[in-house]
Structures are given as structure tokens and as C-alpha cells.
Amino acid sequence: MPSHTIQHDEVQIQAAGAVLDGTLTLPPDARGLVIFAHGSGSNRFSSRNRSVAETLHQSGLGTLLFDLLTAQENRIDELTGTIASTLSGCPSGSQAR
């Protein structure tokens, strides 16, 4: 008998020497995966992002919600807003290096 349980896993993505935390959620027989990449001012725990992800799960799509800031960068940003103000000056389409 197939399982109807949604699978939730905390994952870590290694990129450019940094470790980024994420949540991978797969409904039974997922037919695709939507990736949410969150930077300053939003993260994978945001109620808005989780609500959108839940709607996708109900449609049979898996989600990977991950943060573009490391845990340490996120703590600094929450306290100071430093990273948010730095990123807000980036031109549209630019990429952090």
C-alpha cells in the first residue's frame, strides 16, 4: 500500500565553502520540485513562504526551501540589518560571490 505521508527532511547544501540550511519536503509521488532561495529579510521559516509551499504540496509538487545566508550571517542580519542594507544596493540580477 503506498504511503500518503509527506516527507520532511532538514538538509544542508554546500556552496562556495559555505553551508546553507534548507528544508526538503516531498509529497507522495511528487511530480516535480520547486526551489525557494531566501536571502536577507526572509527565510525558510517565513509563514508566507511555508503557505505557498503547502499549496504546492497539495498540488503534488515537492519543495526545497533554503536560506542564502549561513546561520551566522542570518544571526548578524537579524541583529543589525547589515546584510539586508548591503544586498538592497545590488543591481537587479546580480549575484553574490
C-alpha atoms as a PDB file:
ATOM      1  CA  MET A   1       0.000   0.000   0.000  1.00  0.00           C
ATOM      2  CA  PRO A   2       1.507   3.411  -0.977  1.00  0.00           C
ATOM      3  CA  SER A   3       2.302   5.894   1.764  1.00  0.00           C
ATOM      4  CA  HIS A   4       0.331   9.160   1.829  1.00  0.00           C
ATOM      5  CA  THR A   5       2.695  10.814   4.271  1.00  0.00           C
ATOM      6  CA  ILE A   6       4.543  13.958   3.256  1.00  0.00           C
ATOM      7  CA  GLN A   7       8.281  13.541   3.851  1.00  0.00           C
ATOM      8  CA  HIS A   8      10.128  16.454   5.525  1.00  0.00           C
ATOM      9  CA  ASP A   9      13.934  16.480   5.772  1.00  0.00           C
ATOM     10  CA  GLU A  10      16.334  19.116   7.028  1.00  0.00           C
ATOM     11  CA  VAL A  11      19.211  19.324   4.540  1.00  0.00           C
ATOM     12  CA  GLN A  12      22.467  21.194   4.136  1.00  0.00           C
ATOM     13  CA  ILE A  13      23.759  22.498   0.822  1.00  0.00           C
ATOM     14  CA  GLN A  14      27.464  23.155   0.449  1.00  0.00           C
ATOM     15  CA  ALA A  15      28.270  26.027  -1.899  1.00  0.00           C
ATOM     16  CA  ALA A  16      31.463  28.061  -2.309  1.00  0.00           C
ATOM     17  CA  GLY A  17      32.766  26.980   1.101  1.00  0.00           C
ATOM     18  CA  ALA A  18      29.541  27.850   2.918  1.00  0.00           C
ATOM     19  CA  VAL A  19      26.941  25.520   4.400  1.00  0.00           C
ATOM     20  CA  LEU A  20      23.351  26.599   3.707  1.00  0.00           C
ATOM     21  CA  ASP A  21      20.430  25.112   5.632  1.00  0.00           C
ATOM     22  CA  GLY A  22      17.245  24.012   3.945  1.00  0.00           C
ATOM     23  CA  THR A  23      14.054  22.006   4.241  1.00  0.00           C
ATOM     24  CA  LEU A  24      13.173  19.420   1.587  1.00  0.00           C
ATOM     25  CA  THR A  25       9.512  18.398   1.532  1.00  0.00           C
ATOM     26  CA  LEU A  26       8.209  15.690  -0.777  1.00  0.00           C
ATOM     27  CA  PRO A  27       4.577  14.668  -1.041  1.00  0.00           C
ATOM     28  CA  PRO A  28       3.875  11.080  -2.107  1.00  0.00           C
ATOM     29  CA  ASP A  29       4.598  10.589  -5.822  1.00  0.00           C
ATOM     30  CA  ALA A  30       5.895  14.161  -6.228  1.00  0.00           C
ATOM     31  CA  ARG A  31       5.843  15.149  -9.896  1.00  0.00           C
ATOM     32  CA  GLY A  32       8.345  17.971  -9.629  1.00  0.00           C
ATOM     33  CA  LEU A  33      10.364  20.167  -7.266  1.00  0.00           C
ATOM     34  CA  VAL A  34      10.111  23.917  -6.703  1.00  0.00           C
ATOM     35  CA  ILE A  35      13.195  25.568  -5.168  1.00  0.00           C
ATOM     36  CA  PHE A  36      12.822  28.627  -2.931  1.00  0.00           C
ATOM     37  CA  ALA A  37      16.090  30.507  -2.286  1.00  0.00           C
ATOM     38  CA  HIS A  38      15.755  33.009   0.555  1.00  0.00           C
ATOM     39  CA  GLY A  39      18.085  35.899   1.256  1.00  0.00           C
ATOM     40  CA  SER A  40      18.053  38.702   3.749  1.00  0.00           C
ATOM     41  CA  GLY A  41      14.684  39.700   5.165  1.00  0.00           C
ATOM     42  CA  SER A  42      13.074  36.318   4.583  1.00  0.00           C
ATOM     43  CA  ASN A  43      13.940  32.740   5.372  1.00  0.00           C
ATOM     44  CA  ARG A  44      12.624  29.223   5.014  1.00  0.00           C
ATOM     45  CA  PHE A  45      10.606  29.572   8.222  1.00  0.00           C
ATOM     46  CA  SER A  46       8.549  32.522   6.935  1.00  0.00           C
ATOM     47  CA  SER A  47       4.818  31.845   7.271  1.00  0.00           C
ATOM     48  CA  ARG A  48       4.206  33.291   3.799  1.00  0.00           C
ATOM     49  CA  ASN A  49       6.808  31.026   2.187  1.00  0.00           C
ATOM     50  CA  ARG A  50       5.534  27.978   4.070  1.00  0.00           C
ATOM     51  CA  SER A  51       1.963  28.744   2.992  1.00  0.00           C
ATOM     52  CA  VAL A  52       2.979  28.884  -0.673  1.00  0.00           C
ATOM     53  CA  ALA A  53       4.951  25.653  -0.244  1.00  0.00           C
ATOM     54  CA  GLU A  54       1.945  23.917   1.356  1.00  0.00           C
ATOM     55  CA  THR A  55      -0.224  24.875  -1.620  1.00  0.00           C
ATOM     56  CA  LEU A  56       2.395  23.368  -3.924  1.00  0.00           C
ATOM     57  CA  HIS A  57       2.483  20.168  -1.838  1.00  0.00           C
ATOM     58  CA  GLN A  58      -1.294  19.847  -2.205  1.00  0.00           C
ATOM     59  CA  SER A  59      -0.746  20.059  -5.982  1.00  0.00           C
ATOM     60  CA  GLY A  60       1.745  17.188  -5.900  1.00  0.00           C
ATOM     61  CA  LEU A  61       4.933  19.244  -6.041  1.00  0.00           C
ATOM     62  CA  GLY A  62       7.886  18.941  -3.693  1.00  0.00           C
ATOM     63  CA  THR A  63       9.701  21.967  -2.336  1.00  0.00           C
ATOM     64  CA  LEU A  64      13.210  22.819  -1.262  1.00  0.00           C
ATOM     65  CA  LEU A  65      13.244  25.946   0.882  1.00  0.00           C
ATOM     66  CA  PHE A  66      16.775  27.084   1.668  1.00  0.00           C
ATOM     67  CA  ASP A  67      18.471  30.151   3.010  1.00  0.00           C
ATOM     68  CA  LEU A  68      21.127  32.005   1.035  1.00  0.00           C
ATOM     69  CA  LEU A  69      22.635  33.245   4.291  1.00  0.00           C
ATOM     70  CA  THR A  70      24.598  30.939   6.563  1.00  0.00           C
ATOM     71  CA  ALA A  71      23.269  30.531  10.108  1.00  0.00           C
ATOM     72  CA  GLN A  72      25.899  33.002  11.355  1.00  0.00           C
ATOM     73  CA  GLU A  73      25.089  35.573   8.624  1.00  0.00           C
ATOM     74  CA  ASN A  74      21.387  35.255   9.420  1.00  0.00           C
ATOM     75  CA  ARG A  75      22.004  35.963  13.135  1.00  0.00           C
ATOM     76  CA  ILE A  76      24.070  39.043  12.239  1.00  0.00           C
ATOM     77  CA  ASP A  77      21.424  40.242   9.789  1.00  0.00           C
ATOM     78  CA  GLU A  78      18.619  39.799  12.337  1.00  0.00           C
ATOM     79  CA  LEU A  79      20.530  41.902  14.885  1.00  0.00           C
ATOM     80  CA  THR A  80      21.950  44.612  12.638  1.00  0.00           C
ATOM     81  CA  GLY A  81      20.228  44.615   9.254  1.00  0.00           C
ATOM     82  CA  THR A  82      23.748  44.990   7.816  1.00  0.00           C
ATOM     83  CA  ILE A  83      23.437  42.288   5.196  1.00  0.00           C
ATOM     84  CA  ALA A  84      19.959  43.459   4.150  1.00  0.00           C
ATOM     85  CA  SER A  85      21.203  47.005   3.558  1.00  0.00           C
ATOM     86  CA  THR A  86      24.232  45.702   1.634  1.00  0.00           C
ATOM     87  CA  LEU A  87      22.112  43.488  -0.607  1.00  0.00           C
ATOM     88  CA  SER A  88      19.494  46.164  -1.259  1.00  0.00           C
ATOM     89  CA  GLY A  89      22.137  48.135  -3.160  1.00  0.00           C
ATOM     90  CA  CYS A  90      22.821  45.274  -5.571  1.00  0.00           C
ATOM     91  CA  PRO A  91      21.569  45.826  -9.100  1.00  0.00           C
ATOM     92  CA  SER A  92      18.764  43.530 -10.212  1.00  0.00           C
ATOM     93  CA  GLY A  93      20.071  40.201 -11.441  1.00  0.00           C
ATOM     94  CA  SER A  94      23.456  40.493  -9.737  1.00  0.00           C
ATOM     95  CA  GLN A  95      24.825  37.530  -7.863  1.00  0.00           C
ATOM     96  CA  ALA A  96      26.640  37.424  -4.545  1.00  0.00           C
ATOM     97  CA  ARG A  97      30.118  35.933  -4.783  1.00  0.00           C
END
